[in-house]
Amino acid sequence: MCYHRWDPQMRMPKQKMSFSETICRFPTCAADIEAGQNHLGRMHSMNEITWRIFRIMAEFVDGFQFLSASKKEVTVLGSARLKSGSKWCIEAETFGKLCAKGGFTIITGGGPGIMEAANKGAYESGGESLGLNIQLPMEQRANPYLTRGKGFHYFFTRKVMLSASAQAYIFFPGGFGTLDELFEMVVLVQTGKMQTTPIVVVGRDYWTPLVSWMRETLAREYETIHEEDLGIITIVDSAKEAWEIVRKSKEREMF
């Protein structure tokens, strides 16, 4: 909500001001506070908000242009915290190799862990290995196995790019970020906002309890979802199983 001048007593504009002086109750991001560009209690001017919108637009334009140069994309997601040499990093690296040899482009969040493993497999096999990175307080850094990379300031613009054009989505074990991406893709397919696209979760021991909970609690006990919609998610247990699904997938025709 925007006001011309904030009156803490009346919560109403005291007097009309120019557009540049208009203030807006727009949340301040933590990064701005830490950088000393803002502080709690100070409200943004409309000028600040307007220029932030242009920055958001620029990230979308740059992101779509970045992706337009690639084809046969597969997005791989998973934890940034898993260590190189761990079971699922080895499987992610194997998956990256299989995709590269099959002529597919690997897209990840560009960071460490599962992302780095998938990028490494594609990179060392001579394939195209893309990273859509973002700066986070913990974990995130650009991994060294990218043929091309793109950095983002806003999480939501990066999320759109990760979901924009891939013809398959592969989820290795991960945390909140991985789950966030998984459920977003499921909702887009379930609501028809995106054409049916393979959504594959790798690791039966990791993913089966979650899918079972959704079936028993959400679908059967509370009836908050249709049980058949769980078919949008395919559970496999290895990179090779995931690859067998990916290699039969078709390029997306709609966003």
Protein backbone atom coordinates (compact mmCIF):
# COMPACT_ATOMS: atom_id res chain seq x y z
CA MET A 1 0.00 0.00 0.00
CA CYS A 2 1.33 3.47 -0.90
CA TYR A 3 0.92 6.79 0.89
CA HIS A 4 2.00 10.31 0.04
CA ARG A 5 3.41 10.95 3.51
CA TRP A 6 3.17 8.57 6.42
CA ASP A 7 1.40 9.77 9.54
CA PRO A 8 1.98 7.19 12.34
CA GLN A 9 -0.99 8.48 14.32
CA MET A 10 -3.65 8.65 11.61
CA ARG A 11 -2.19 6.09 9.16
CA MET A 12 -3.30 8.52 6.43
CA PRO A 13 -1.52 10.87 4.03
CA LYS A 14 -0.86 14.26 5.62
CA GLN A 15 -0.43 16.12 2.38
CA LYS A 16 -0.10 15.43 -1.30
CA MET A 17 3.45 15.27 -2.61
CA SER A 18 5.16 14.71 -5.96
CA PHE A 19 5.48 11.19 -7.37
CA SER A 20 9.20 11.05 -6.52
CA GLU A 21 8.44 11.85 -2.87
CA THR A 22 5.60 9.36 -2.58
CA ILE A 23 6.46 6.59 -0.15
CA CYS A 24 5.44 2.97 -0.34
CA ARG A 25 5.19 0.32 2.37
CA PHE A 26 7.31 -2.15 0.42
CA PRO A 27 9.36 -4.79 2.29
CA THR A 28 13.08 -4.21 2.58
CA CYS A 29 15.15 -7.23 1.65
CA ALA A 30 17.80 -8.51 4.06
CA ALA A 31 20.57 -7.97 1.53
CA ASP A 32 19.78 -4.24 1.33
CA ILE A 33 19.83 -3.94 5.11
CA GLU A 34 23.18 -5.75 5.39
CA ALA A 35 24.65 -3.61 2.61
CA GLY A 36 23.61 -0.46 4.41
CA GLN A 37 21.34 0.60 1.57
CA ASN A 38 18.30 0.68 3.79
CA HIS A 39 17.35 0.22 7.40
CA LEU A 40 14.36 -1.00 9.33
CA GLY A 41 11.77 1.66 9.78
CA ARG A 42 12.59 3.68 6.66
CA MET A 43 10.03 3.35 3.90
CA HIS A 44 10.85 3.24 0.23
CA SER A 45 10.01 6.03 -2.16
CA MET A 46 8.03 5.26 -5.30
CA ASN A 47 11.16 6.10 -7.29
CA GLU A 48 12.99 3.25 -5.56
CA ILE A 49 10.14 0.83 -6.27
CA THR A 50 9.88 1.90 -9.90
CA TRP A 51 13.56 1.29 -10.55
CA ARG A 52 13.37 -2.05 -8.76
CA ILE A 53 10.65 -3.07 -11.23
CA PHE A 54 13.00 -2.25 -14.11
CA ARG A 55 15.66 -4.44 -12.53
CA ILE A 56 13.17 -7.30 -12.30
CA MET A 57 12.19 -6.82 -15.95
CA ALA A 58 15.86 -6.82 -16.95
CA GLU A 59 16.44 -10.12 -15.16
CA PHE A 60 13.54 -11.73 -17.02
CA VAL A 61 14.74 -10.42 -20.40
CA ASP A 62 18.34 -11.47 -19.76
CA GLY A 63 17.22 -14.85 -18.47
CA PHE A 64 15.07 -15.73 -21.47
CA GLN A 65 17.78 -14.55 -23.87
CA PHE A 66 20.30 -16.69 -22.01
CA LEU A 67 18.15 -19.81 -22.34
CA SER A 68 17.21 -19.18 -25.98
CA ALA A 69 20.67 -20.27 -27.13
CA SER A 70 20.25 -23.83 -25.83
CA LYS A 71 18.09 -26.83 -26.76
CA LYS A 72 16.93 -30.15 -25.30
CA GLU A 73 17.21 -28.80 -21.74
CA VAL A 74 16.87 -30.92 -18.63
CA THR A 75 16.71 -29.17 -15.26
CA VAL A 76 18.37 -30.95 -12.34
CA LEU A 77 17.65 -29.91 -8.76
CA GLY A 78 18.82 -31.15 -5.39
CA SER A 79 20.63 -30.24 -2.19
CA ALA A 80 23.59 -27.85 -2.17
CA ARG A 81 24.74 -29.51 1.07
CA LEU A 82 25.46 -33.03 -0.16
CA LYS A 83 29.18 -33.66 -0.48
CA SER A 84 31.12 -34.72 -3.54
CA GLY A 85 31.51 -38.49 -3.47
CA SER A 86 28.24 -39.08 -1.63
CA LYS A 87 25.81 -41.57 -3.16
CA TRP A 88 23.45 -39.06 -4.73
CA CYS A 89 26.19 -36.76 -5.98
CA ILE A 90 27.70 -39.75 -7.78
CA GLU A 91 24.29 -40.54 -9.29
CA ALA A 92 23.78 -36.89 -10.31
CA GLU A 93 27.18 -36.86 -11.99
CA THR A 94 26.32 -40.07 -13.84
CA PHE A 95 23.04 -38.53 -14.94
CA GLY A 96 24.85 -35.45 -16.26
CA LYS A 97 27.17 -37.68 -18.28
CA LEU A 98 24.28 -39.65 -19.77
CA CYS A 99 22.47 -36.47 -20.78
CA ALA A 100 25.56 -34.92 -22.35
CA LYS A 101 26.27 -38.04 -24.38
CA GLY A 102 22.65 -38.03 -25.50
CA GLY A 103 22.86 -34.43 -26.74
CA PHE A 104 20.89 -32.85 -23.90
CA THR A 105 21.67 -29.60 -22.07
CA ILE A 106 21.93 -29.77 -18.28
CA ILE A 107 20.51 -26.80 -16.35
CA THR A 108 21.05 -26.46 -12.60
CA GLY A 109 21.03 -23.73 -9.99
CA GLY A 110 24.77 -23.40 -10.61
CA GLY A 111 25.81 -24.06 -7.03
CA PRO A 112 27.55 -26.87 -5.11
CA GLY A 113 26.30 -30.32 -4.09
CA ILE A 114 23.89 -32.03 -6.47
CA MET A 115 24.03 -29.07 -8.84
CA GLU A 116 27.80 -29.23 -9.14
CA ALA A 117 27.72 -32.99 -9.61
CA ALA A 118 25.24 -32.83 -12.50
CA ASN A 119 27.15 -29.95 -14.11
CA LYS A 120 30.42 -31.84 -13.70
CA GLY A 121 29.07 -34.94 -15.42
CA ALA A 122 27.83 -32.91 -18.38
CA TYR A 123 30.91 -30.66 -18.55
CA GLU A 124 33.47 -33.47 -18.48
CA SER A 125 31.51 -35.37 -21.13
CA GLY A 126 31.62 -32.43 -23.53
CA GLY A 127 27.99 -31.40 -23.12
CA GLU A 128 26.39 -28.05 -22.51
CA SER A 129 26.28 -27.33 -18.78
CA LEU A 130 24.34 -24.27 -17.64
CA GLY A 131 24.04 -22.67 -14.21
CA LEU A 132 21.40 -20.19 -13.03
CA ASN A 133 22.97 -18.90 -9.87
CA ILE A 134 21.89 -16.71 -6.97
CA GLN A 135 23.76 -15.29 -4.02
CA LEU A 136 22.65 -16.73 -0.67
CA PRO A 137 23.95 -16.15 2.87
CA MET A 138 24.99 -19.83 3.05
CA GLU A 139 25.99 -22.57 0.64
CA GLN A 140 25.63 -20.89 -2.73
CA ARG A 141 28.65 -20.32 -4.95
CA ALA A 142 29.10 -20.82 -8.67
CA ASN A 143 30.59 -24.24 -9.37
CA PRO A 144 33.49 -24.58 -11.85
CA TYR A 145 31.72 -26.94 -14.26
CA LEU A 146 29.64 -24.48 -16.26
CA THR A 147 29.95 -23.83 -19.96
CA ARG A 148 27.67 -20.83 -19.44
CA GLY A 149 26.30 -19.20 -16.33
CA LYS A 150 23.86 -16.48 -15.35
CA GLY A 151 23.51 -14.77 -11.99
CA PHE A 152 20.24 -13.53 -10.50
CA HIS A 153 19.46 -11.06 -7.74
CA TYR A 154 15.84 -12.11 -7.23
CA PHE A 155 14.87 -15.63 -6.26
CA PHE A 156 11.57 -15.54 -8.13
CA THR A 157 13.10 -14.55 -11.48
CA ARG A 158 15.60 -17.39 -11.14
CA LYS A 159 12.77 -19.82 -10.34
CA VAL A 160 10.92 -18.83 -13.50
CA MET A 161 14.07 -19.46 -15.56
CA LEU A 162 14.58 -22.87 -13.98
CA SER A 163 11.02 -23.84 -14.90
CA ALA A 164 10.77 -22.02 -18.22
CA SER A 165 11.92 -24.33 -20.95
CA ALA A 166 13.15 -27.74 -19.78
CA GLN A 167 11.56 -30.85 -21.24
CA ALA A 168 12.17 -32.84 -18.04
CA TYR A 169 12.75 -32.05 -14.36
CA ILE A 170 14.92 -34.32 -12.25
CA PHE A 171 14.91 -34.00 -8.46
CA PHE A 172 17.60 -35.59 -6.34
CA PRO A 173 17.36 -35.50 -2.51
CA GLY A 174 17.22 -31.91 -1.26
CA GLY A 175 15.78 -29.51 1.26
CA PHE A 176 13.19 -26.73 1.25
CA GLY A 177 14.42 -25.21 -2.01
CA THR A 178 14.21 -28.54 -3.82
CA LEU A 179 10.75 -29.23 -2.40
CA ASP A 180 9.64 -25.74 -3.38
CA GLU A 181 10.69 -26.34 -6.99
CA LEU A 182 9.13 -29.82 -7.01
CA PHE A 183 5.72 -28.69 -5.82
CA GLU A 184 5.74 -25.69 -8.15
CA MET A 185 6.31 -27.92 -11.17
CA VAL A 186 3.63 -30.37 -10.01
CA VAL A 187 1.11 -27.55 -9.62
CA LEU A 188 1.91 -26.11 -13.06
CA VAL A 189 1.28 -29.50 -14.69
CA GLN A 190 -1.75 -30.31 -12.50
CA THR A 191 -3.45 -27.00 -13.31
CA GLY A 192 -2.66 -27.18 -17.02
CA LYS A 193 -0.48 -24.07 -16.92
CA MET A 194 2.33 -26.17 -18.34
CA GLN A 195 2.13 -29.08 -20.74
CA THR A 196 2.66 -32.52 -19.23
CA THR A 197 6.38 -32.87 -18.67
CA PRO A 198 8.34 -35.63 -16.90
CA ILE A 199 8.87 -34.83 -13.23
CA VAL A 200 11.20 -37.47 -11.83
CA VAL A 201 12.40 -37.85 -8.25
CA VAL A 202 15.52 -39.96 -7.75
CA GLY A 203 15.93 -41.99 -4.57
CA ARG A 204 13.12 -44.31 -3.42
CA ASP A 205 14.13 -44.27 0.25
CA TYR A 206 14.15 -40.48 0.26
CA TRP A 207 11.01 -39.70 -1.72
CA THR A 208 8.65 -42.63 -1.01
CA PRO A 209 7.71 -41.46 2.53
CA LEU A 210 6.73 -38.02 1.16
CA VAL A 211 4.63 -39.45 -1.66
CA SER A 212 3.05 -41.98 0.72
CA TRP A 213 2.12 -39.17 3.12
CA MET A 214 0.51 -37.23 0.28
CA ARG A 215 -1.44 -40.32 -0.78
CA GLU A 216 -2.62 -41.38 2.68
CA THR A 217 -3.10 -37.98 4.35
CA LEU A 218 -3.79 -35.45 1.61
CA ALA A 219 -5.65 -37.64 -0.88
CA ARG A 220 -7.41 -40.29 1.22
CA GLU A 221 -7.87 -38.82 4.71
CA TYR A 222 -8.43 -35.12 3.97
CA GLU A 223 -9.24 -35.29 0.24
CA THR A 224 -7.33 -32.08 -0.44
CA ILE A 225 -5.81 -33.51 -3.62
CA HIS A 226 -6.89 -36.07 -6.21
CA GLU A 227 -4.96 -39.28 -5.78
CA GLU A 228 -4.47 -39.64 -9.53
CA ASP A 229 -2.51 -36.37 -9.56
CA LEU A 230 0.29 -38.15 -7.71
CA GLY A 231 0.95 -39.83 -11.04
CA ILE A 232 2.54 -36.56 -12.15
CA ILE A 233 5.57 -37.60 -10.06
CA THR A 234 7.67 -40.61 -11.09
CA ILE A 235 9.95 -42.22 -8.50
CA VAL A 236 13.14 -43.93 -9.65
CA ASP A 237 16.22 -45.14 -7.85
CA SER A 238 19.11 -44.41 -10.19
CA ALA A 239 20.51 -42.04 -12.80
CA LYS A 240 20.05 -44.70 -15.48
CA GLU A 241 16.33 -45.05 -14.71
CA ALA A 242 15.92 -41.27 -14.85
CA TRP A 243 17.81 -41.14 -18.15
CA GLU A 244 15.50 -43.74 -19.72
CA ILE A 245 12.60 -41.36 -19.06
CA VAL A 246 14.46 -38.25 -20.21
CA ARG A 247 15.68 -39.69 -23.50
CA LYS A 248 12.07 -40.36 -24.55
CA SER A 249 10.87 -36.87 -23.58
CA LYS A 250 9.86 -34.24 -26.11
CA GLU A 251 10.82 -30.58 -26.27
CA ARG A 252 8.32 -28.19 -24.68
CA GLU A 253 5.99 -26.29 -26.99
CA MET A 254 4.51 -23.97 -24.37
CA PHE A 255 5.71 -22.19 -21.25
